[in-house]
Amino acid sequence: MKHVPGAWQLLSFSFFHIPFLSPYSYIGSYNDLVKAVEKYGDPITKTFRLTTSKSNSVWISDPKLLKEYFIAKAHNFEKPNYNVAAFFGENILSAQNNESWKKHFKVCNPAFGPKNLKYLCKVAVESCNSMFEMWDRRCDGTNNCILEHDDYPNLSLQILGLAGLNIDFGIYAEEAE
């Protein structure tokens, strides 16, 4: 890893910025990481290595390098083991890269084609607009209203129902309020 330019910090994980111990990588560290990539990373590809006491992490920003990593060199990296996902039986996530995974992939892949993803985006936009209209009705033209935390799971349910099952749960209908 010495050939990849980068920086060093002691802690591999931190909840907040701690000078000298966790100055680059911590929860919410996006801006500090961008500055570190610009200061210590490769000036052309913006590739950056962060060495900690436990591990090395590499950030790749160049689209050509990302393509090479995910397509040409993917076989060099072992798939993580997802035993928890196999609780109900082998599935596309828990299956290793073998014939079983190919079978699961062949069944699931059409659902994630461009046509279905465009439809999902259309349904998501329409559902979000319906939620915004419901918020406008709830606020009665004032800027003082409380947004309920249940609105977000309901949004997910509405999108999954319409896009996946063609079922409108009527969550955003006026009489549902």
C-alpha atoms as a PDB file:
ATOM      1  CA  MET A   1       0.000   0.000   0.000  1.00  0.00           C
ATOM      2  CA  LYS A   2       2.989   2.303   0.246  1.00  0.00           C
ATOM      3  CA  HIS A   3       2.668   3.220  -3.441  1.00  0.00           C
ATOM      4  CA  VAL A   4      -0.790   4.770  -2.849  1.00  0.00           C
ATOM      5  CA  PRO A   5      -0.402   8.312  -1.467  1.00  0.00           C
ATOM      6  CA  GLY A   6      -2.245   9.060   1.729  1.00  0.00           C
ATOM      7  CA  ALA A   7      -2.214   9.899   5.412  1.00  0.00           C
ATOM      8  CA  TRP A   8      -2.198   8.181   8.791  1.00  0.00           C
ATOM      9  CA  GLN A   9      -4.426   8.347  11.860  1.00  0.00           C
ATOM     10  CA  LEU A  10      -4.384   6.294  15.048  1.00  0.00           C
ATOM     11  CA  LEU A  11      -8.074   5.410  15.482  1.00  0.00           C
ATOM     12  CA  SER A  12      -9.816   3.410  12.783  1.00  0.00           C
ATOM     13  CA  PHE A  13     -13.257   4.614  13.916  1.00  0.00           C
ATOM     14  CA  SER A  14     -14.470   7.620  15.862  1.00  0.00           C
ATOM     15  CA  PHE A  15     -17.821   9.265  16.488  1.00  0.00           C
ATOM     16  CA  PHE A  16     -16.335  12.751  16.104  1.00  0.00           C
ATOM     17  CA  HIS A  17     -13.203  14.640  15.022  1.00  0.00           C
ATOM     18  CA  ILE A  18     -10.275  14.121  17.411  1.00  0.00           C
ATOM     19  CA  PRO A  19      -7.065  15.946  16.401  1.00  0.00           C
ATOM     20  CA  PHE A  20      -4.070  13.600  15.939  1.00  0.00           C
ATOM     21  CA  LEU A  21      -6.185  10.517  16.782  1.00  0.00           C
ATOM     22  CA  SER A  22      -8.970  10.707  14.190  1.00  0.00           C
ATOM     23  CA  PRO A  23      -8.543  13.857  12.092  1.00  0.00           C
ATOM     24  CA  TYR A  24      -9.733  12.453   8.733  1.00  0.00           C
ATOM     25  CA  SER A  25     -12.170   9.565   9.125  1.00  0.00           C
ATOM     26  CA  TYR A  26     -15.019   9.801  11.632  1.00  0.00           C
ATOM     27  CA  ILE A  27     -18.814  10.017  11.510  1.00  0.00           C
ATOM     28  CA  GLY A  28     -19.699  13.012   9.335  1.00  0.00           C
ATOM     29  CA  SER A  29     -16.131  13.466   8.074  1.00  0.00           C
ATOM     30  CA  TYR A  30     -16.945  14.058   4.402  1.00  0.00           C
ATOM     31  CA  ASN A  31     -15.462  17.572   4.227  1.00  0.00           C
ATOM     32  CA  ASP A  32     -12.280  16.569   6.070  1.00  0.00           C
ATOM     33  CA  LEU A  33     -11.860  13.548   3.794  1.00  0.00           C
ATOM     34  CA  VAL A  34     -12.224  15.729   0.689  1.00  0.00           C
ATOM     35  CA  LYS A  35      -9.537  18.068   2.055  1.00  0.00           C
ATOM     36  CA  ALA A  36      -7.268  15.095   2.864  1.00  0.00           C
ATOM     37  CA  VAL A  37      -7.723  13.653  -0.640  1.00  0.00           C
ATOM     38  CA  GLU A  38      -6.802  17.010  -2.168  1.00  0.00           C
ATOM     39  CA  LYS A  39      -3.807  17.489   0.147  1.00  0.00           C
ATOM     40  CA  TYR A  40      -2.373  13.953   0.405  1.00  0.00           C
ATOM     41  CA  GLY A  41      -3.989  11.990  -2.448  1.00  0.00           C
ATOM     42  CA  ASP A  42      -2.780  11.418  -5.984  1.00  0.00           C
ATOM     43  CA  PRO A  43      -3.203  14.729  -7.847  1.00  0.00           C
ATOM     44  CA  ILE A  44      -4.351  13.084 -11.100  1.00  0.00           C
ATOM     45  CA  THR A  45      -6.636  10.230 -10.015  1.00  0.00           C
ATOM     46  CA  LYS A  46      -7.552  11.601  -6.557  1.00  0.00           C
ATOM     47  CA  THR A  47      -6.838   8.158  -5.098  1.00  0.00           C
ATOM     48  CA  PHE A  48      -6.193   8.322  -1.358  1.00  0.00           C
ATOM     49  CA  ARG A  49      -5.048   5.821   1.292  1.00  0.00           C
ATOM     50  CA  LEU A  50      -5.798   6.181   4.986  1.00  0.00           C
ATOM     51  CA  THR A  51      -3.690   3.993   7.259  1.00  0.00           C
ATOM     52  CA  THR A  52      -4.889   3.357  10.804  1.00  0.00           C
ATOM     53  CA  SER A  53      -3.585   1.190  13.617  1.00  0.00           C
ATOM     54  CA  LYS A  54      -5.785  -1.675  12.389  1.00  0.00           C
ATOM     55  CA  SER A  55      -6.136  -1.378   8.623  1.00  0.00           C
ATOM     56  CA  ASN A  56      -5.683   0.474   5.366  1.00  0.00           C
ATOM     57  CA  SER A  57      -8.575   2.077   3.483  1.00  0.00           C
ATOM     58  CA  VAL A  58      -8.407   3.315  -0.092  1.00  0.00           C
ATOM     59  CA  TRP A  59     -10.694   5.967  -1.610  1.00  0.00           C
ATOM     60  CA  ILE A  60     -10.940   5.863  -5.403  1.00  0.00           C
ATOM     61  CA  SER A  61     -12.377   8.923  -7.159  1.00  0.00           C
ATOM     62  CA  ASP A  62     -11.354   8.328 -10.768  1.00  0.00           C
ATOM     63  CA  PRO A  63     -14.186   6.818 -12.894  1.00  0.00           C
ATOM     64  CA  LYS A  64     -11.737   4.781 -15.007  1.00  0.00           C
ATOM     65  CA  LEU A  65     -10.120   3.264 -11.923  1.00  0.00           C
ATOM     66  CA  LEU A  66     -13.535   2.495 -10.421  1.00  0.00           C
ATOM     67  CA  LYS A  67     -14.570   0.722 -13.618  1.00  0.00           C
ATOM     68  CA  GLU A  68     -11.371  -1.327 -13.565  1.00  0.00           C
ATOM     69  CA  TYR A  69     -11.868  -2.153  -9.884  1.00  0.00           C
ATOM     70  CA  PHE A  70     -15.507  -3.237 -10.193  1.00  0.00           C
ATOM     71  CA  ILE A  71     -15.339  -4.978 -13.578  1.00  0.00           C
ATOM     72  CA  ALA A  72     -11.853  -6.077 -14.586  1.00  0.00           C
ATOM     73  CA  LYS A  73     -10.412  -6.779 -11.119  1.00  0.00           C
ATOM     74  CA  ALA A  74     -13.557  -7.902  -9.279  1.00  0.00           C
ATOM     75  CA  HIS A  75     -12.410 -11.536  -9.229  1.00  0.00           C
ATOM     76  CA  ASN A  76      -9.426 -10.523  -7.053  1.00  0.00           C
ATOM     77  CA  PHE A  77     -11.688  -9.614  -4.135  1.00  0.00           C
ATOM     78  CA  GLU A  78     -13.523 -12.256  -2.160  1.00  0.00           C
ATOM     79  CA  LYS A  79     -17.231 -11.746  -1.578  1.00  0.00           C
ATOM     80  CA  PRO A  80     -18.021 -11.121   2.113  1.00  0.00           C
ATOM     81  CA  ASN A  81     -19.880 -13.828   3.974  1.00  0.00           C
ATOM     82  CA  TYR A  82     -23.472 -12.841   4.817  1.00  0.00           C
ATOM     83  CA  ASN A  83     -24.518 -15.689   7.120  1.00  0.00           C
ATOM     84  CA  VAL A  84     -27.209 -13.548   8.764  1.00  0.00           C
ATOM     85  CA  ALA A  85     -28.941 -13.139   5.388  1.00  0.00           C
ATOM     86  CA  ALA A  86     -28.994 -16.928   4.964  1.00  0.00           C
ATOM     87  CA  PHE A  87     -31.239 -17.380   8.016  1.00  0.00           C
ATOM     88  CA  PHE A  88     -34.269 -18.112   5.800  1.00  0.00           C
ATOM     89  CA  GLY A  89     -32.244 -20.039   3.225  1.00  0.00           C
ATOM     90  CA  GLU A  90     -29.763 -19.261   0.518  1.00  0.00           C
ATOM     91  CA  ASN A  91     -30.510 -16.111  -1.463  1.00  0.00           C
ATOM     92  CA  ILE A  92     -28.756 -13.758  -3.878  1.00  0.00           C
ATOM     93  CA  LEU A  93     -26.975 -11.981  -1.025  1.00  0.00           C
ATOM     94  CA  SER A  94     -25.826 -15.046   0.908  1.00  0.00           C
ATOM     95  CA  ALA A  95     -24.940 -17.249  -2.082  1.00  0.00           C
ATOM     96  CA  GLN A  96     -21.254 -17.287  -2.898  1.00  0.00           C
ATOM     97  CA  ASN A  97     -20.062 -16.718  -6.474  1.00  0.00           C
ATOM     98  CA  ASN A  98     -21.066 -20.113  -7.852  1.00  0.00           C
ATOM     99  CA  GLU A  99     -23.881 -21.775  -9.787  1.00  0.00           C
ATOM    100  CA  SER A 100     -26.365 -21.099  -6.995  1.00  0.00           C
ATOM    101  CA  TRP A 101     -25.603 -17.358  -7.119  1.00  0.00           C
ATOM    102  CA  LYS A 102     -25.996 -17.389 -10.926  1.00  0.00           C
ATOM    103  CA  LYS A 103     -29.445 -18.971 -10.534  1.00  0.00           C
ATOM    104  CA  HIS A 104     -30.546 -16.312  -8.026  1.00  0.00           C
ATOM    105  CA  PHE A 105     -29.067 -13.536 -10.173  1.00  0.00           C
ATOM    106  CA  LYS A 106     -30.883 -14.782 -13.298  1.00  0.00           C
ATOM    107  CA  VAL A 107     -34.212 -14.676 -11.442  1.00  0.00           C
ATOM    108  CA  CYS A 108     -33.683 -11.280  -9.764  1.00  0.00           C
ATOM    109  CA  ASN A 109     -31.875  -9.365 -12.505  1.00  0.00           C
ATOM    110  CA  PRO A 110     -34.895  -8.501 -14.716  1.00  0.00           C
ATOM    111  CA  ALA A 111     -36.504  -6.639 -11.811  1.00  0.00           C
ATOM    112  CA  PHE A 112     -33.597  -4.192 -11.815  1.00  0.00           C
ATOM    113  CA  GLY A 113     -33.510  -3.483 -15.555  1.00  0.00           C
ATOM    114  CA  PRO A 114     -33.648   0.077 -16.932  1.00  0.00           C
ATOM    115  CA  LYS A 115     -37.376  -0.110 -17.741  1.00  0.00           C
ATOM    116  CA  ASN A 116     -38.337  -1.132 -14.202  1.00  0.00           C
ATOM    117  CA  LEU A 117     -35.965   1.358 -12.585  1.00  0.00           C
ATOM    118  CA  LYS A 118     -37.457   4.195 -14.667  1.00  0.00           C
ATOM    119  CA  TYR A 119     -40.910   3.102 -13.518  1.00  0.00           C
ATOM    120  CA  LEU A 120     -39.720   2.944  -9.895  1.00  0.00           C
ATOM    121  CA  CYS A 121     -38.324   6.491 -10.160  1.00  0.00           C
ATOM    122  CA  LYS A 122     -41.608   7.738 -11.647  1.00  0.00           C
ATOM    123  CA  VAL A 123     -43.595   6.119  -8.816  1.00  0.00           C
ATOM    124  CA  ALA A 124     -41.174   7.503  -6.205  1.00  0.00           C
ATOM    125  CA  VAL A 125     -41.497  11.053  -7.561  1.00  0.00           C
ATOM    126  CA  GLU A 126     -45.310  10.811  -7.670  1.00  0.00           C
ATOM    127  CA  SER A 127     -45.410   9.412  -4.119  1.00  0.00           C
ATOM    128  CA  CYS A 128     -43.086  12.146  -2.816  1.00  0.00           C
ATOM    129  CA  ASN A 129     -45.259  14.791  -4.476  1.00  0.00           C
ATOM    130  CA  SER A 130     -48.329  13.244  -2.834  1.00  0.00           C
ATOM    131  CA  MET A 131     -46.582  13.366   0.542  1.00  0.00           C
ATOM    132  CA  PHE A 132     -45.675  17.047  -0.003  1.00  0.00           C
ATOM    133  CA  GLU A 133     -49.317  17.808  -0.889  1.00  0.00           C
ATOM    134  CA  MET A 134     -50.418  16.042   2.295  1.00  0.00           C
ATOM    135  CA  TRP A 135     -47.961  18.171   4.281  1.00  0.00           C
ATOM    136  CA  ASP A 136     -49.374  21.317   2.650  1.00  0.00           C
ATOM    137  CA  ARG A 137     -52.907  20.257   3.657  1.00  0.00           C
ATOM    138  CA  ARG A 138     -51.721  19.453   7.170  1.00  0.00           C
ATOM    139  CA  CYS A 139     -50.055  22.874   7.555  1.00  0.00           C
ATOM    140  CA  ASP A 140     -53.154  24.795   6.335  1.00  0.00           C
ATOM    141  CA  GLY A 141     -51.042  27.441   4.632  1.00  0.00           C
ATOM    142  CA  THR A 142     -49.053  28.225   7.763  1.00  0.00           C
ATOM    143  CA  ASN A 143     -45.401  27.465   8.217  1.00  0.00           C
ATOM    144  CA  ASN A 144     -46.069  25.990  11.640  1.00  0.00           C
ATOM    145  CA  CYS A 145     -46.724  22.285  11.454  1.00  0.00           C
ATOM    146  CA  ILE A 146     -45.193  19.108  12.795  1.00  0.00           C
ATOM    147  CA  LEU A 147     -44.034  16.430  10.382  1.00  0.00           C
ATOM    148  CA  GLU A 148     -44.676  12.990  11.796  1.00  0.00           C
ATOM    149  CA  HIS A 149     -41.966  10.356  11.722  1.00  0.00           C
ATOM    150  CA  ASP A 150     -44.498   7.838  10.370  1.00  0.00           C
ATOM    151  CA  ASP A 151     -44.597   9.730   7.072  1.00  0.00           C
ATOM    152  CA  TYR A 152     -41.285   8.269   5.921  1.00  0.00           C
ATOM    153  CA  PRO A 153     -42.012   4.541   6.435  1.00  0.00           C
ATOM    154  CA  ASN A 154     -45.411   5.189   4.846  1.00  0.00           C
ATOM    155  CA  LEU A 155     -43.631   6.693   1.838  1.00  0.00           C
ATOM    156  CA  SER A 156     -41.518   3.537   1.492  1.00  0.00           C
ATOM    157  CA  LEU A 157     -44.609   1.346   1.807  1.00  0.00           C
ATOM    158  CA  GLN A 158     -46.471   3.384  -0.819  1.00  0.00           C
ATOM    159  CA  ILE A 159     -43.564   3.209  -3.296  1.00  0.00           C
ATOM    160  CA  LEU A 160     -43.022  -0.529  -2.793  1.00  0.00           C
ATOM    161  CA  GLY A 161     -46.749  -1.196  -3.034  1.00  0.00           C
ATOM    162  CA  LEU A 162     -47.206   0.738  -6.270  1.00  0.00           C
ATOM    163  CA  ALA A 163     -43.953  -0.204  -7.999  1.00  0.00           C
ATOM    164  CA  GLY A 164     -43.679  -3.813  -6.891  1.00  0.00           C
ATOM    165  CA  LEU A 165     -47.247  -4.995  -6.367  1.00  0.00           C
ATOM    166  CA  ASN A 166     -49.374  -2.404  -8.219  1.00  0.00           C
ATOM    167  CA  ILE A 167     -51.299  -1.796  -4.988  1.00  0.00           C
ATOM    168  CA  ASP A 168     -52.192   1.739  -3.884  1.00  0.00           C
ATOM    169  CA  PHE A 169     -52.462   1.743  -0.099  1.00  0.00           C
ATOM    170  CA  GLY A 170     -54.142   5.159  -0.201  1.00  0.00           C
ATOM    171  CA  ILE A 171     -51.749   6.545   2.383  1.00  0.00           C
ATOM    172  CA  TYR A 172     -51.867  10.049   0.926  1.00  0.00           C
ATOM    173  CA  ALA A 173     -55.593  10.215   0.215  1.00  0.00           C
ATOM    174  CA  GLU A 174     -57.376  13.100   1.973  1.00  0.00           C
ATOM    175  CA  GLU A 175     -59.670  10.736   3.863  1.00  0.00           C
ATOM    176  CA  ALA A 176     -56.626   8.757   5.152  1.00  0.00           C
ATOM    177  CA  GLU A 177     -55.497  11.779   7.178  1.00  0.00           C
END
